Amino acid sequence: MVTTVVPVEHEAIGEKRVSVSGLTWDAYQQILHALPNSRAVRLTYDQGTLEIAMPLEDHEFALRLIERFIVILVATMGMKIKTMGSTTMDRPDLDRGSEPDCAYYIQNQAVVAGRKVDFSQDPPPDLVVEVDITNTDIAKDRLYASMGVPEFWRYNGQVWRIFQLQGEAYHECDRSPTFNWVNKEDLYHFLAQAQQDEIAAEQAFRSWAQEQCQ
């Protein structure tokens, strides 16, 4: 049987995306290793489907501010963090691999502190964040659930959705299990303020978070 590979291009708003179906794990690995380490595109492979995404301005703005949001919360709570960024999370045993927008070890920071992570042996990141403003062909909730990621955030440019792993599937929550004292409106307000002045927004949010944790 001959597999037909059909690239699908999506309208560019927050990301440019190209999807290719019918790829084997080995073909995905060849593409992954042929690309330079310093590149703008991110790859996600899900059991034969490869999606190549190039982030645009709206995507990067939201992502960088969400990263600051998380780091401020972790610091305010006196916790530790290991930032994985878009490190490739390959799981050949699942026929899946991903370069998430950002991933973090928080509860398991001590397990992987001071060394490189081995995804074949170490626990997955405690929190993975994906900013998907344009449509994606990958069911990322199933992908990260299969990898055992305990908490998964998705942001589509307007709505922040929070998922907690329960058993083998995600269940949507109103609040983050890690930061259960934070409302979704707090992120929305932070992002709105940052549109005008990122530094002022960060300073205001840091002060507010410190007041909440006193």
N, C-alpha and C. Protein backbone atom coordinates (compact mmCIF):
# COMPACT_ATOMS: atom_id res chain seq x y z
N MET A 1 0.84 -1.18 0.00
CA MET A 1 0.00 0.00 0.00
C MET A 1 0.89 1.25 0.00
N VAL A 2 0.57 2.22 -0.85
CA VAL A 2 1.37 3.44 -0.98
C VAL A 2 0.68 4.55 -0.21
N THR A 3 1.41 5.20 0.69
CA THR A 3 0.86 6.30 1.46
C THR A 3 1.04 7.61 0.70
N THR A 4 -0.06 8.36 0.59
CA THR A 4 0.00 9.65 -0.07
C THR A 4 0.25 10.74 0.96
N VAL A 5 1.27 11.53 0.76
CA VAL A 5 1.61 12.60 1.67
C VAL A 5 1.05 13.90 1.11
N VAL A 6 0.12 14.51 1.87
CA VAL A 6 -0.53 15.73 1.40
C VAL A 6 -0.29 16.83 2.41
N PRO A 7 0.55 17.84 2.10
CA PRO A 7 0.74 18.95 3.03
C PRO A 7 -0.50 19.83 3.07
N VAL A 8 -0.85 20.27 4.28
CA VAL A 8 -2.02 21.13 4.45
C VAL A 8 -1.55 22.42 5.08
N GLU A 9 -1.79 23.53 4.42
CA GLU A 9 -1.39 24.83 4.96
C GLU A 9 -2.61 25.51 5.58
N HIS A 10 -2.39 26.15 6.75
CA HIS A 10 -3.46 26.85 7.44
C HIS A 10 -3.25 28.36 7.31
N GLU A 11 -4.35 29.09 7.37
CA GLU A 11 -4.29 30.55 7.30
C GLU A 11 -3.43 31.07 8.45
N ALA A 12 -2.53 31.98 8.15
CA ALA A 12 -1.59 32.49 9.14
C ALA A 12 -2.23 33.63 9.93
N ILE A 13 -2.41 33.43 11.23
CA ILE A 13 -2.87 34.49 12.12
C ILE A 13 -1.88 34.57 13.29
N GLY A 14 -1.86 33.51 14.09
CA GLY A 14 -0.90 33.46 15.18
C GLY A 14 0.27 32.57 14.86
N GLU A 15 0.05 31.64 13.95
CA GLU A 15 1.11 30.72 13.54
C GLU A 15 0.89 30.33 12.07
N LYS A 16 1.97 30.07 11.37
CA LYS A 16 1.88 29.39 10.08
C LYS A 16 2.06 27.90 10.35
N ARG A 17 1.22 27.07 9.75
CA ARG A 17 1.28 25.63 10.00
C ARG A 17 1.25 24.86 8.69
N VAL A 18 2.03 23.79 8.65
CA VAL A 18 1.98 22.83 7.55
C VAL A 18 1.89 21.45 8.18
N SER A 19 0.92 20.65 7.75
CA SER A 19 0.76 19.29 8.25
C SER A 19 1.04 18.29 7.15
N VAL A 20 1.73 17.23 7.50
CA VAL A 20 2.03 16.15 6.57
C VAL A 20 1.60 14.84 7.21
N SER A 21 0.83 14.05 6.49
CA SER A 21 0.36 12.78 7.03
C SER A 21 1.08 11.62 6.36
N GLY A 22 1.02 10.47 7.01
CA GLY A 22 1.61 9.26 6.43
C GLY A 22 3.09 9.10 6.66
N LEU A 23 3.65 9.80 7.66
CA LEU A 23 5.08 9.69 7.94
C LEU A 23 5.35 8.64 9.01
N THR A 24 6.43 7.89 8.84
CA THR A 24 6.87 6.96 9.86
C THR A 24 7.67 7.70 10.92
N TRP A 25 7.91 7.01 12.04
CA TRP A 25 8.76 7.59 13.09
C TRP A 25 10.15 7.91 12.54
N ASP A 26 10.71 7.00 11.76
CA ASP A 26 12.05 7.23 11.21
C ASP A 26 12.08 8.44 10.29
N ALA A 27 11.03 8.62 9.49
CA ALA A 27 10.98 9.78 8.60
C ALA A 27 10.89 11.08 9.41
N TYR A 28 10.10 11.05 10.47
CA TYR A 28 10.01 12.21 11.37
C TYR A 28 11.38 12.53 11.97
N GLN A 29 12.09 11.52 12.42
CA GLN A 29 13.41 11.72 13.01
C GLN A 29 14.40 12.29 12.00
N GLN A 30 14.31 11.86 10.76
CA GLN A 30 15.19 12.39 9.72
C GLN A 30 14.93 13.88 9.50
N ILE A 31 13.67 14.25 9.46
CA ILE A 31 13.32 15.67 9.30
C ILE A 31 13.78 16.47 10.51
N LEU A 32 13.53 15.93 11.70
CA LEU A 32 13.90 16.62 12.94
C LEU A 32 15.40 16.90 12.99
N HIS A 33 16.21 15.89 12.65
CA HIS A 33 17.66 16.04 12.78
C HIS A 33 18.28 16.78 11.59
N ALA A 34 17.52 16.93 10.50
CA ALA A 34 18.03 17.68 9.35
C ALA A 34 17.89 19.18 9.56
N LEU A 35 17.01 19.58 10.48
CA LEU A 35 16.80 21.00 10.74
C LEU A 35 17.87 21.54 11.67
N PRO A 36 18.26 22.79 11.53
CA PRO A 36 19.27 23.37 12.42
C PRO A 36 18.74 23.51 13.84
N ASN A 37 19.63 23.49 14.81
CA ASN A 37 19.22 23.65 16.21
C ASN A 37 18.60 25.01 16.46
N SER A 38 19.14 26.03 15.82
CA SER A 38 18.60 27.38 15.96
C SER A 38 17.59 27.62 14.84
N ARG A 39 16.33 27.41 15.14
CA ARG A 39 15.28 27.53 14.14
C ARG A 39 14.02 28.06 14.78
N ALA A 40 13.19 28.68 13.97
CA ALA A 40 11.95 29.26 14.47
C ALA A 40 10.81 28.26 14.50
N VAL A 41 10.85 27.25 13.64
CA VAL A 41 9.74 26.31 13.55
C VAL A 41 9.77 25.30 14.69
N ARG A 42 8.56 24.78 15.02
CA ARG A 42 8.42 23.75 16.05
C ARG A 42 7.67 22.57 15.45
N LEU A 43 8.13 21.38 15.82
CA LEU A 43 7.56 20.16 15.25
C LEU A 43 6.74 19.41 16.29
N THR A 44 5.62 18.86 15.83
CA THR A 44 4.81 17.96 16.64
C THR A 44 4.47 16.76 15.80
N TYR A 45 4.76 15.58 16.32
CA TYR A 45 4.51 14.34 15.58
C TYR A 45 3.57 13.46 16.39
N ASP A 46 2.49 13.03 15.75
CA ASP A 46 1.48 12.24 16.44
C ASP A 46 1.06 11.06 15.58
N GLN A 47 1.74 9.93 15.76
CA GLN A 47 1.36 8.66 15.15
C GLN A 47 1.09 8.79 13.64
N GLY A 48 2.08 9.33 12.94
CA GLY A 48 2.01 9.41 11.49
C GLY A 48 1.75 10.79 10.93
N THR A 49 1.28 11.71 11.78
CA THR A 49 1.03 13.09 11.33
C THR A 49 2.09 14.02 11.91
N LEU A 50 2.73 14.77 11.04
CA LEU A 50 3.73 15.75 11.45
C LEU A 50 3.20 17.14 11.17
N GLU A 51 3.22 17.98 12.19
CA GLU A 51 2.84 19.38 12.02
C GLU A 51 4.07 20.26 12.26
N ILE A 52 4.32 21.15 11.33
CA ILE A 52 5.41 22.12 11.44
C ILE A 52 4.79 23.49 11.61
N ALA A 53 5.08 24.14 12.73
CA ALA A 53 4.47 25.43 13.04
C ALA A 53 5.54 26.51 13.15
N MET A 54 5.25 27.66 12.54
CA MET A 54 6.14 28.82 12.66
C MET A 54 5.37 29.92 13.41
N PRO A 55 5.78 30.26 14.64
CA PRO A 55 5.06 31.27 15.42
C PRO A 55 5.17 32.66 14.80
N LEU A 56 4.06 33.41 14.87
CA LEU A 56 4.02 34.79 14.43
C LEU A 56 3.88 35.71 15.65
N GLU A 57 3.73 36.99 15.42
CA GLU A 57 3.81 37.97 16.51
C GLU A 57 2.79 37.72 17.62
N ASP A 58 1.51 37.51 17.27
CA ASP A 58 0.48 37.32 18.30
C ASP A 58 0.80 36.12 19.18
N HIS A 59 1.28 35.07 18.56
CA HIS A 59 1.66 33.86 19.29
C HIS A 59 2.79 34.16 20.28
N GLU A 60 3.84 34.78 19.80
CA GLU A 60 5.02 35.02 20.62
C GLU A 60 4.73 36.00 21.75
N PHE A 61 3.90 37.00 21.49
CA PHE A 61 3.55 37.95 22.56
C PHE A 61 2.86 37.22 23.69
N ALA A 62 1.82 36.44 23.36
CA ALA A 62 1.07 35.73 24.40
C ALA A 62 1.97 34.74 25.13
N LEU A 63 2.79 34.01 24.39
CA LEU A 63 3.63 32.99 25.00
C LEU A 63 4.63 33.60 25.98
N ARG A 64 5.33 34.64 25.56
CA ARG A 64 6.34 35.24 26.44
C ARG A 64 5.73 35.80 27.71
N LEU A 65 4.52 36.37 27.59
CA LEU A 65 3.87 36.92 28.77
C LEU A 65 3.35 35.82 29.68
N ILE A 66 2.86 34.73 29.12
CA ILE A 66 2.43 33.60 29.94
C ILE A 66 3.63 33.00 30.68
N GLU A 67 4.78 32.95 30.02
CA GLU A 67 5.99 32.48 30.69
C GLU A 67 6.31 33.35 31.90
N ARG A 68 6.23 34.66 31.74
CA ARG A 68 6.50 35.56 32.87
C ARG A 68 5.48 35.35 33.98
N PHE A 69 4.23 35.18 33.59
CA PHE A 69 3.13 34.94 34.52
C PHE A 69 3.46 33.74 35.41
N ILE A 70 3.90 32.64 34.78
CA ILE A 70 4.21 31.42 35.52
C ILE A 70 5.40 31.62 36.45
N VAL A 71 6.46 32.22 35.95
CA VAL A 71 7.67 32.41 36.76
C VAL A 71 7.37 33.30 37.96
N ILE A 72 6.58 34.34 37.78
CA ILE A 72 6.21 35.21 38.90
C ILE A 72 5.44 34.43 39.96
N LEU A 73 4.50 33.60 39.52
CA LEU A 73 3.71 32.81 40.47
C LEU A 73 4.59 31.83 41.23
N VAL A 74 5.48 31.14 40.52
CA VAL A 74 6.37 30.17 41.17
C VAL A 74 7.26 30.87 42.20
N ALA A 75 7.84 32.00 41.82
CA ALA A 75 8.73 32.73 42.72
C ALA A 75 7.97 33.25 43.93
N THR A 76 6.77 33.76 43.70
CA THR A 76 5.97 34.31 44.80
C THR A 76 5.61 33.22 45.81
N MET A 77 5.37 32.01 45.34
CA MET A 77 4.99 30.91 46.22
C MET A 77 6.21 30.24 46.86
N GLY A 78 7.42 30.70 46.52
CA GLY A 78 8.62 30.14 47.10
C GLY A 78 8.95 28.75 46.58
N MET A 79 8.50 28.44 45.37
CA MET A 79 8.76 27.14 44.77
C MET A 79 9.99 27.23 43.86
N LYS A 80 10.40 26.10 43.32
CA LYS A 80 11.51 26.06 42.38
C LYS A 80 10.99 25.63 41.01
N ILE A 81 11.80 25.93 39.97
CA ILE A 81 11.34 25.65 38.61
C ILE A 81 12.53 25.28 37.73
N LYS A 82 12.30 24.37 36.81
CA LYS A 82 13.27 24.07 35.75
C LYS A 82 12.52 24.28 34.44
N THR A 83 12.98 25.26 33.66
CA THR A 83 12.33 25.61 32.41
C THR A 83 12.88 24.77 31.28
N MET A 84 11.98 24.11 30.55
CA MET A 84 12.38 23.26 29.43
C MET A 84 12.15 23.94 28.08
N GLY A 85 11.40 25.04 28.07
CA GLY A 85 11.13 25.72 26.82
C GLY A 85 10.49 24.79 25.81
N SER A 86 11.05 24.77 24.59
CA SER A 86 10.53 23.92 23.51
C SER A 86 11.41 22.69 23.29
N THR A 87 12.05 22.22 24.35
CA THR A 87 12.87 21.02 24.25
C THR A 87 12.06 19.87 23.63
N THR A 88 12.66 19.15 22.70
CA THR A 88 11.96 18.06 22.03
C THR A 88 11.65 16.94 23.00
N MET A 89 10.37 16.62 23.14
CA MET A 89 9.90 15.54 24.00
C MET A 89 9.55 14.35 23.10
N ASP A 90 10.54 13.54 22.78
CA ASP A 90 10.32 12.38 21.91
C ASP A 90 9.99 11.14 22.74
N ARG A 91 8.92 10.45 22.31
CA ARG A 91 8.53 9.20 22.94
C ARG A 91 8.30 8.16 21.86
N PRO A 92 9.38 7.50 21.40
CA PRO A 92 9.23 6.50 20.35
C PRO A 92 8.32 5.35 20.75
N ASP A 93 8.23 5.06 22.06
CA ASP A 93 7.35 3.99 22.52
C ASP A 93 5.88 4.32 22.29
N LEU A 94 5.57 5.62 22.20
CA LEU A 94 4.20 6.06 21.93
C LEU A 94 3.99 6.48 20.48
N ASP A 95 5.08 6.50 19.70
CA ASP A 95 5.04 7.01 18.32
C ASP A 95 4.58 8.46 18.32
N ARG A 96 5.11 9.22 19.28
CA ARG A 96 4.72 10.62 19.43
C ARG A 96 5.94 11.45 19.85
N GLY A 97 5.97 12.69 19.41
CA GLY A 97 7.02 13.61 19.80
C GLY A 97 6.51 15.03 19.71
N SER A 98 7.03 15.91 20.55
CA SER A 98 6.52 17.28 20.54
C SER A 98 7.60 18.27 20.98
N GLU A 99 7.52 19.46 20.43
CA GLU A 99 8.29 20.61 20.89
C GLU A 99 7.27 21.64 21.37
N PRO A 100 6.86 21.55 22.63
CA PRO A 100 5.80 22.44 23.13
C PRO A 100 6.25 23.89 23.16
N ASP A 101 5.30 24.79 23.29
CA ASP A 101 5.67 26.20 23.40
C ASP A 101 6.52 26.42 24.64
N CYS A 102 6.13 25.84 25.76
CA CYS A 102 6.97 25.87 26.95
C CYS A 102 6.54 24.76 27.90
N ALA A 103 7.51 24.26 28.63
CA ALA A 103 7.26 23.17 29.57
C ALA A 103 8.10 23.41 30.82
N TYR A 104 7.59 22.97 31.97
CA TYR A 104 8.24 23.27 33.23
C TYR A 104 8.19 22.08 34.19
N TYR A 105 9.29 21.90 34.91
CA TYR A 105 9.28 21.04 36.08
C TYR A 105 9.12 21.95 37.29
N ILE A 106 8.11 21.71 38.07
CA ILE A 106 7.85 22.51 39.28
C ILE A 106 7.82 21.56 40.48
N GLN A 107 6.79 20.72 40.55
CA GLN A 107 6.71 19.74 41.64
C GLN A 107 7.87 18.76 41.58
N ASN A 108 8.32 18.40 40.39
CA ASN A 108 9.42 17.45 40.20
C ASN A 108 10.74 18.13 39.88
N GLN A 109 10.86 19.42 40.20
CA GLN A 109 12.09 20.14 39.88
C GLN A 109 13.31 19.49 40.50
N ALA A 110 13.19 19.02 41.73
CA ALA A 110 14.34 18.43 42.42
C ALA A 110 14.80 17.13 41.75
N VAL A 111 13.88 16.45 41.07
CA VAL A 111 14.22 15.18 40.43
C VAL A 111 15.17 15.38 39.25
N VAL A 112 15.04 16.53 38.57
CA VAL A 112 15.81 16.75 37.34
C VAL A 112 16.76 17.95 37.45
N ALA A 113 16.87 18.53 38.62
CA ALA A 113 17.71 19.73 38.79
C ALA A 113 19.18 19.41 38.51
N GLY A 114 19.84 20.33 37.80
CA GLY A 114 21.28 20.23 37.61
C GLY A 114 21.75 19.26 36.56
N ARG A 115 20.83 18.73 35.74
CA ARG A 115 21.25 17.79 34.70
C ARG A 115 20.26 17.82 33.55
N LYS A 116 20.64 17.15 32.45
CA LYS A 116 19.75 17.05 31.31
C LYS A 116 18.68 16.00 31.57
N VAL A 117 17.50 16.26 31.06
CA VAL A 117 16.37 15.37 31.25
C VAL A 117 16.42 14.24 30.21
N ASP A 118 16.12 13.03 30.64
CA ASP A 118 15.98 11.88 29.75
C ASP A 118 14.52 11.45 29.78
N PHE A 119 13.78 11.77 28.71
CA PHE A 119 12.35 11.53 28.71
C PHE A 119 12.00 10.04 28.68
N SER A 120 12.98 9.19 28.41
CA SER A 120 12.72 7.75 28.44
C SER A 120 12.72 7.21 29.86
N GLN A 121 13.28 7.99 30.79
CA GLN A 121 13.38 7.53 32.18
C GLN A 121 12.78 8.51 33.18
N ASP A 122 12.93 9.81 32.94
CA ASP A 122 12.47 10.81 33.89
C ASP A 122 10.97 11.06 33.75
N PRO A 123 10.35 11.60 34.79
CA PRO A 123 8.94 11.97 34.66
C PRO A 123 8.78 13.09 33.64
N PRO A 124 7.61 13.22 33.04
CA PRO A 124 7.38 14.32 32.09
C PRO A 124 7.33 15.65 32.84
N PRO A 125 7.41 16.77 32.13
CA PRO A 125 7.24 18.07 32.80
C PRO A 125 5.91 18.13 33.54
N ASP A 126 5.90 18.88 34.63
CA ASP A 126 4.68 19.01 35.43
C ASP A 126 3.64 19.88 34.75
N LEU A 127 4.09 20.81 33.92
CA LEU A 127 3.19 21.74 33.25
C LEU A 127 3.68 21.99 31.82
N VAL A 128 2.79 21.82 30.87
CA VAL A 128 3.07 22.14 29.47
C VAL A 128 2.07 23.19 29.01
N VAL A 129 2.56 24.18 28.28
CA VAL A 129 1.72 25.26 27.76
C VAL A 129 1.81 25.29 26.25
N GLU A 130 0.67 25.38 25.59
CA GLU A 130 0.61 25.55 24.14
C GLU A 130 -0.26 26.76 23.81
N VAL A 131 0.28 27.64 22.98
CA VAL A 131 -0.48 28.75 22.41
C VAL A 131 -0.84 28.36 20.98
N ASP A 132 -2.11 28.11 20.75
CA ASP A 132 -2.60 27.70 19.43
C ASP A 132 -3.68 28.67 18.98
N ILE A 133 -3.26 29.70 18.28
CA ILE A 133 -4.23 30.70 17.82
C ILE A 133 -4.87 30.24 16.52
N THR A 134 -4.09 29.59 15.67
CA THR A 134 -4.67 29.00 14.46
C THR A 134 -4.98 27.53 14.74
N ASN A 135 -5.79 26.95 13.89
CA ASN A 135 -6.21 25.56 14.07
C ASN A 135 -5.03 24.61 13.89
N THR A 136 -5.00 23.58 14.73
CA THR A 136 -3.96 22.56 14.64
C THR A 136 -4.59 21.20 14.34
N ASP A 137 -3.92 20.40 13.54
CA ASP A 137 -4.42 19.07 13.21
C ASP A 137 -4.07 18.03 14.26
N ILE A 138 -3.29 18.42 15.26
CA ILE A 138 -2.86 17.49 16.30
C ILE A 138 -3.78 17.61 17.51
N ALA A 139 -4.26 16.48 18.01
CA ALA A 139 -5.05 16.47 19.25
C ALA A 139 -4.07 16.52 20.42
N LYS A 140 -3.67 17.72 20.80
CA LYS A 140 -2.59 17.86 21.77
C LYS A 140 -3.00 17.40 23.17
N ASP A 141 -4.29 17.45 23.46
CA ASP A 141 -4.71 16.94 24.76
C ASP A 141 -4.44 15.44 24.86
N ARG A 142 -4.75 14.70 23.81
CA ARG A 142 -4.47 13.26 23.83
C ARG A 142 -2.97 13.00 23.81
N LEU A 143 -2.23 13.81 23.06
CA LEU A 143 -0.78 13.62 22.96
C LEU A 143 -0.12 13.77 24.33
N TYR A 144 -0.39 14.88 25.03
CA TYR A 144 0.27 15.11 26.31
C TYR A 144 -0.29 14.21 27.41
N ALA A 145 -1.55 13.83 27.30
CA ALA A 145 -2.11 12.87 28.26
C ALA A 145 -1.39 11.53 28.14
N SER A 146 -1.11 11.11 26.89
CA SER A 146 -0.42 9.84 26.69
C SER A 146 0.99 9.88 27.25
N MET A 147 1.60 11.08 27.28
CA MET A 147 2.95 11.23 27.85
C MET A 147 2.93 11.35 29.36
N GLY A 148 1.73 11.50 29.94
CA GLY A 148 1.61 11.58 31.39
C GLY A 148 1.86 12.95 31.98
N VAL A 149 1.73 14.02 31.16
CA VAL A 149 1.92 15.40 31.66
C VAL A 149 0.77 15.73 32.61
N PRO A 150 1.03 16.04 33.88
CA PRO A 150 -0.05 16.23 34.85
C PRO A 150 -0.96 17.43 34.59
N GLU A 151 -0.38 18.52 34.06
CA GLU A 151 -1.17 19.74 33.85
C GLU A 151 -0.84 20.33 32.49
N PHE A 152 -1.88 20.70 31.77
CA PHE A 152 -1.74 21.19 30.40
C PHE A 152 -2.58 22.44 30.24
N TRP A 153 -1.93 23.53 29.76
CA TRP A 153 -2.65 24.78 29.48
C TRP A 153 -2.70 25.00 27.98
N ARG A 154 -3.85 25.51 27.51
CA ARG A 154 -3.98 25.93 26.12
C ARG A 154 -4.53 27.36 26.09
N TYR A 155 -3.95 28.17 25.22
CA TYR A 155 -4.42 29.55 25.07
C TYR A 155 -4.57 29.83 23.59
N ASN A 156 -5.77 30.27 23.18
CA ASN A 156 -6.04 30.49 21.76
C ASN A 156 -6.07 31.96 21.36
N GLY A 157 -5.49 32.79 22.21
CA GLY A 157 -5.49 34.23 21.93
C GLY A 157 -6.60 34.95 22.65
N GLN A 158 -7.57 34.20 23.17
CA GLN A 158 -8.70 34.78 23.90
C GLN A 158 -9.03 34.02 25.17
N VAL A 159 -8.98 32.70 25.09
CA VAL A 159 -9.43 31.85 26.20
C VAL A 159 -8.29 30.99 26.71
N TRP A 160 -8.12 30.97 28.03
CA TRP A 160 -7.15 30.12 28.71
C TRP A 160 -7.88 28.90 29.23
N ARG A 161 -7.49 27.73 28.74
CA ARG A 161 -8.11 26.47 29.18
C ARG A 161 -7.09 25.66 29.97
N ILE A 162 -7.53 25.11 31.09
CA ILE A 162 -6.65 24.41 32.02
C ILE A 162 -7.12 22.96 32.11
N PHE A 163 -6.19 22.03 31.96
CA PHE A 163 -6.53 20.61 32.00
C PHE A 163 -5.66 19.89 33.03
N GLN A 164 -6.29 19.01 33.78
CA GLN A 164 -5.58 18.19 34.77
C GLN A 164 -5.74 16.73 34.38
N LEU A 165 -4.62 16.00 34.44
CA LEU A 165 -4.65 14.59 34.08
C LEU A 165 -5.30 13.79 35.20
N GLN A 166 -6.34 13.06 34.83
CA GLN A 166 -7.02 12.16 35.77
C GLN A 166 -7.11 10.80 35.10
N GLY A 167 -6.32 9.86 35.58
CA GLY A 167 -6.24 8.57 34.91
C GLY A 167 -5.45 8.72 33.62
N GLU A 168 -6.07 8.39 32.50
CA GLU A 168 -5.40 8.46 31.20
C GLU A 168 -5.90 9.62 30.35
N ALA A 169 -6.76 10.48 30.89
CA ALA A 169 -7.33 11.57 30.09
C ALA A 169 -7.36 12.85 30.90
N TYR A 170 -7.44 13.97 30.18
CA TYR A 170 -7.54 15.28 30.83
C TYR A 170 -8.98 15.63 31.14
N HIS A 171 -9.14 16.33 32.26
CA HIS A 171 -10.42 16.92 32.61
C HIS A 171 -10.20 18.42 32.78
N GLU A 172 -11.07 19.21 32.20
CA GLU A 172 -10.90 20.66 32.25
C GLU A 172 -11.25 21.20 33.63
N CYS A 173 -10.45 22.17 34.10
CA CYS A 173 -10.65 22.78 35.42
C CYS A 173 -10.86 24.28 35.26
N ASP A 174 -11.46 24.87 36.26
CA ASP A 174 -11.61 26.33 36.29
C ASP A 174 -10.33 27.02 36.76
N ARG A 175 -9.54 26.30 37.56
CA ARG A 175 -8.31 26.86 38.12
C ARG A 175 -7.16 25.87 37.95
N SER A 176 -5.97 26.41 37.93
CA SER A 176 -4.78 25.57 37.83
C SER A 176 -4.59 24.78 39.13
N PRO A 177 -4.34 23.48 39.05
CA PRO A 177 -4.03 22.72 40.26
C PRO A 177 -2.75 23.21 40.95
N THR A 178 -1.82 23.75 40.18
CA THR A 178 -0.57 24.26 40.75
C THR A 178 -0.75 25.63 41.38
N PHE A 179 -1.57 26.48 40.76
CA PHE A 179 -1.79 27.85 41.25
C PHE A 179 -3.29 28.05 41.49
N ASN A 180 -3.84 27.33 42.45
CA ASN A 180 -5.29 27.31 42.60
C ASN A 180 -5.88 28.56 43.22
N TRP A 181 -5.04 29.52 43.58
CA TRP A 181 -5.52 30.79 44.12
C TRP A 181 -5.61 31.87 43.03
N VAL A 182 -5.29 31.48 41.79
CA VAL A 182 -5.28 32.42 40.67
C VAL A 182 -6.50 32.17 39.78
N ASN A 183 -7.20 33.24 39.43
CA ASN A 183 -8.34 33.16 38.52
C ASN A 183 -7.88 33.35 37.07
N LYS A 184 -8.67 32.87 36.14
CA LYS A 184 -8.36 33.08 34.73
C LYS A 184 -8.33 34.57 34.40
N GLU A 185 -9.20 35.34 35.05
CA GLU A 185 -9.26 36.78 34.79
C GLU A 185 -7.94 37.47 35.14
N ASP A 186 -7.17 36.88 36.05
CA ASP A 186 -5.89 37.48 36.42
C ASP A 186 -4.91 37.44 35.25
N LEU A 187 -4.91 36.34 34.50
CA LEU A 187 -4.06 36.27 33.30
C LEU A 187 -4.57 37.22 32.23
N TYR A 188 -5.88 37.23 32.01
CA TYR A 188 -6.43 38.12 30.98
C TYR A 188 -6.08 39.58 31.28
N HIS A 189 -6.20 39.96 32.55
CA HIS A 189 -5.89 41.35 32.93
C HIS A 189 -4.41 41.65 32.71
N PHE A 190 -3.56 40.69 33.07
CA PHE A 190 -2.12 40.86 32.89
C PHE A 190 -1.76 41.02 31.42
N LEU A 191 -2.34 40.19 30.55
CA LEU A 191 -2.06 40.29 29.12
C LEU A 191 -2.58 41.60 28.54
N ALA A 192 -3.73 42.04 28.99
CA ALA A 192 -4.30 43.30 28.49
C ALA A 192 -3.42 44.48 28.89
N GLN A 193 -2.97 44.50 30.14
CA GLN A 193 -2.07 45.57 30.60
C GLN A 193 -0.76 45.55 29.82
N ALA A 194 -0.25 44.37 29.56
CA ALA A 194 1.03 44.24 28.87
C ALA A 194 0.98 44.72 27.43
N GLN A 195 -0.20 44.76 26.85
CA GLN A 195 -0.34 45.31 25.49
C GLN A 195 0.15 46.74 25.44
N GLN A 196 -0.01 47.47 26.53
CA GLN A 196 0.38 48.88 26.58
C GLN A 196 1.76 49.09 27.19
N ASP A 197 2.07 48.29 28.23
CA ASP A 197 3.36 48.47 28.92
C ASP A 197 3.70 47.17 29.65
N GLU A 198 4.61 46.40 29.10
CA GLU A 198 4.93 45.09 29.69
C GLU A 198 5.58 45.22 31.06
N ILE A 199 6.48 46.19 31.22
CA ILE A 199 7.18 46.34 32.49
C ILE A 199 6.21 46.74 33.60
N ALA A 200 5.35 47.71 33.32
CA ALA A 200 4.37 48.14 34.31
C ALA A 200 3.42 47.00 34.66
N ALA A 201 3.02 46.22 33.66
CA ALA A 201 2.13 45.09 33.90
C ALA A 201 2.80 44.05 34.79
N GLU A 202 4.07 43.77 34.52
CA GLU A 202 4.81 42.80 35.33
C GLU A 202 4.97 43.28 36.76
N GLN A 203 5.30 44.55 36.94
CA GLN A 203 5.47 45.08 38.29
C GLN A 203 4.16 45.04 39.07
N ALA A 204 3.07 45.40 38.41
CA ALA A 204 1.76 45.40 39.07
C ALA A 204 1.34 43.98 39.43
N PHE A 205 1.57 43.05 38.53
CA PHE A 205 1.16 41.67 38.80
C PHE A 205 2.01 41.05 39.90
N ARG A 206 3.30 41.35 39.91
CA ARG A 206 4.17 40.82 40.95
C ARG A 206 3.72 41.33 42.33
N SER A 207 3.41 42.63 42.41
CA SER A 207 2.96 43.22 43.68
C SER A 207 1.65 42.59 44.12
N TRP A 208 0.73 42.41 43.18
CA TRP A 208 -0.56 41.80 43.51
C TRP A 208 -0.37 40.37 44.01
N ALA A 209 0.47 39.58 43.33
CA ALA A 209 0.69 38.19 43.71
C ALA A 209 1.30 38.10 45.11
N GLN A 210 2.23 39.01 45.41
CA GLN A 210 2.85 39.01 46.73
C GLN A 210 1.83 39.32 47.82
N GLU A 211 0.89 40.22 47.53
CA GLU A 211 -0.17 40.55 48.50
C GLU A 211 -1.06 39.35 48.75
N GLN A 212 -1.35 38.58 47.68
CA GLN A 212 -2.24 37.43 47.81
C GLN A 212 -1.60 36.32 48.64
N CYS A 213 -0.27 36.24 48.61
CA CYS A 213 0.43 35.15 49.30
C CYS A 213 0.89 35.50 50.71
N GLN A 214 0.60 36.69 51.16
CA GLN A 214 1.03 37.10 52.51
C GLN A 214 0.19 36.39 53.59
